[in-house]
Amino acid sequence: MSPTFDDHPAPDRSLAEINADIRCLFARAEGRLSDAERIRHAALLGEWASAIRASVVPAA
């Protein structure tokens, strides 16, 4: 069964907000992430991917 629009709920934050958090994370870490920062980065990437999926408009 293929995914439907309802399978991807609307994200709480915009792509721009998530992207800004990712950029800030790397800026604060000066490009080298600690283990905790890597975990945060992975969570942000998951959130970003969900926001991308939610932003896709299904074809007619």
Protein backbone atom coordinates (compact mmCIF):
# COMPACT_ATOMS: atom_id res chain seq x y z
CA MET A 1 0.00 0.00 0.00
CA SER A 2 1.43 3.38 -0.95
CA PRO A 3 1.65 6.19 1.62
CA THR A 4 -1.05 8.80 1.64
CA PHE A 5 -0.96 12.46 2.59
CA ASP A 6 -2.37 11.56 6.03
CA ASP A 7 0.65 9.33 6.70
CA HIS A 8 2.82 12.45 7.01
CA PRO A 9 1.33 14.91 9.49
CA ALA A 10 2.18 18.58 9.19
CA PRO A 11 5.42 19.44 10.99
CA ASP A 12 5.41 21.68 14.05
CA ARG A 13 8.13 23.90 12.56
CA SER A 14 8.96 25.21 9.11
CA LEU A 15 11.83 23.91 7.00
CA ALA A 16 13.55 27.27 7.45
CA GLU A 17 13.43 26.97 11.25
CA ILE A 18 14.79 23.44 11.21
CA ASN A 19 17.53 24.40 8.74
CA ALA A 20 18.49 27.37 10.93
CA ASP A 21 18.85 25.02 13.93
CA ILE A 22 21.08 22.69 11.91
CA ARG A 23 23.26 25.61 10.80
CA CYS A 24 23.51 26.97 14.35
CA LEU A 25 24.47 23.56 15.66
CA PHE A 26 27.41 23.37 13.27
CA ALA A 27 28.38 26.99 13.84
CA ARG A 28 28.52 26.50 17.62
CA ALA A 29 30.45 23.26 17.22
CA GLU A 30 32.84 24.85 14.72
CA GLY A 31 32.22 21.94 12.36
CA ARG A 32 33.06 19.19 14.87
CA LEU A 33 30.11 17.62 16.62
CA SER A 34 30.29 15.91 19.99
CA ASP A 35 28.36 12.68 20.54
CA ALA A 36 25.45 14.64 22.04
CA GLU A 37 25.51 17.08 19.13
CA ARG A 38 25.50 14.19 16.65
CA ILE A 39 22.38 12.83 18.32
CA ARG A 40 20.76 16.27 18.10
CA HIS A 41 21.83 16.55 14.45
CA ALA A 42 20.27 13.16 13.65
CA ALA A 43 17.02 14.26 15.32
CA LEU A 44 17.02 17.51 13.35
CA LEU A 45 17.61 15.62 10.10
CA GLY A 46 14.67 13.36 10.89
CA GLU A 47 12.50 16.38 11.61
CA TRP A 48 13.71 18.02 8.38
CA ALA A 49 12.92 14.90 6.34
CA SER A 50 9.42 14.75 7.84
CA ALA A 51 8.87 18.40 6.97
CA ILE A 52 10.03 17.76 3.40
CA ARG A 53 7.64 14.83 3.03
CA ALA A 54 4.77 16.90 4.45
CA SER A 55 5.52 19.72 2.00
CA VAL A 56 5.13 17.51 -1.08
CA VAL A 57 1.85 18.16 -2.87
CA PRO A 58 0.28 14.92 -4.13
CA ALA A 59 -0.31 14.73 -7.88
CA ALA A 60 -3.89 14.95 -9.06
